[in-house]
Amino acid sequence: MKSLLNALQEGRLVELPVHEKEKVLEYLAILIEAIPDIGNNQDIVAAVNKRESVSNTGIGMGVACPHVRAVRDDGELFCAVGWSPLGIDYGSPDGRKVHLVIMYYIPNSQRNAYLKEVSGLAKAIKNTDAFQFLSSIPDLQSLRGKLLDWMELATDKAIPDFKARMIKLEEKQMVASAAESVRTTKLTVVPFSVLITDSARCMVLANDLELMEKLEGAKDFASMFSNGRDFEYAGHRISVVSEASFPKDRCLYQCVAVK
């Protein structure tokens, strides 16, 4: 479960603002392309779409695991995880909408590791009421906790990895902080992600269309998120929860907007 743990730790768990299968695959493929260790010798977006056209990668219970075979033989197994609150018409065998998409990048040397991870995860998911949870999950933090639970079930033991314990600790701290700062049920909390490129262009992933358009139209957008402080914009209090840096001066921020 190393690749899934790394994805949670390194900011590759995102809420998807779109619900079309092709666009979802493109978003996650771009996240994988941005991983420094992968390089730029393969079009991940095209490779994922080609693989999906051959066989549907929905495994049922609201989960899909699209993947791409790397052109290189060595390297690490990587993944990116997308959550869709409304669900995606994915064409899964059980006919249910997909709420959780885990996309894998698989070097030849990691085929066995990939098969072991996916089969263990599928077993854990099918032994729980995964679809009911995924179709009613309130936020990304709840999803992170559930993914860790599934990983423990998949390995038949508590995950010994230090990063897993740190993720759970961070989750508790973030929930406690949110409870302390949000003192009225009238407030609206919107989780969102921001991808900033080397040209200072940005892509905002959020289910609040108005907030998304206002943020993408902001001037000096990059500096607002890179200073490490909370700030006010368009009637919202914006907090950066985590950030990850990638080649070509690209940055991915996980954020929360409170109004």
Foldseek 3Di string as FASTA:
>chain_A
DVQVLVQLVFVQEFEFQDAEPLVVLVVFQVVVQQAAQQDDPDRSSVQQVVVCVVDQQAPDLQEGEGEGERPAQDDDKHKGKYAYQQFHQRVHPVRDGHGIYIYIYHHNNCPVVVVLVVVLLSVLCVVDSRNVCSNPPDDVLVVLVVSLVSVCSSVVHRDPDPSNVVSVVLSVVVVVVVCVVDPDPVKDKWKKKWKAALVRQIAIGTNPVVVRVQLRPDPPNVVQPPVQDWDDDPRWTKHFSDKHAGPRGMMMTIIMTMD
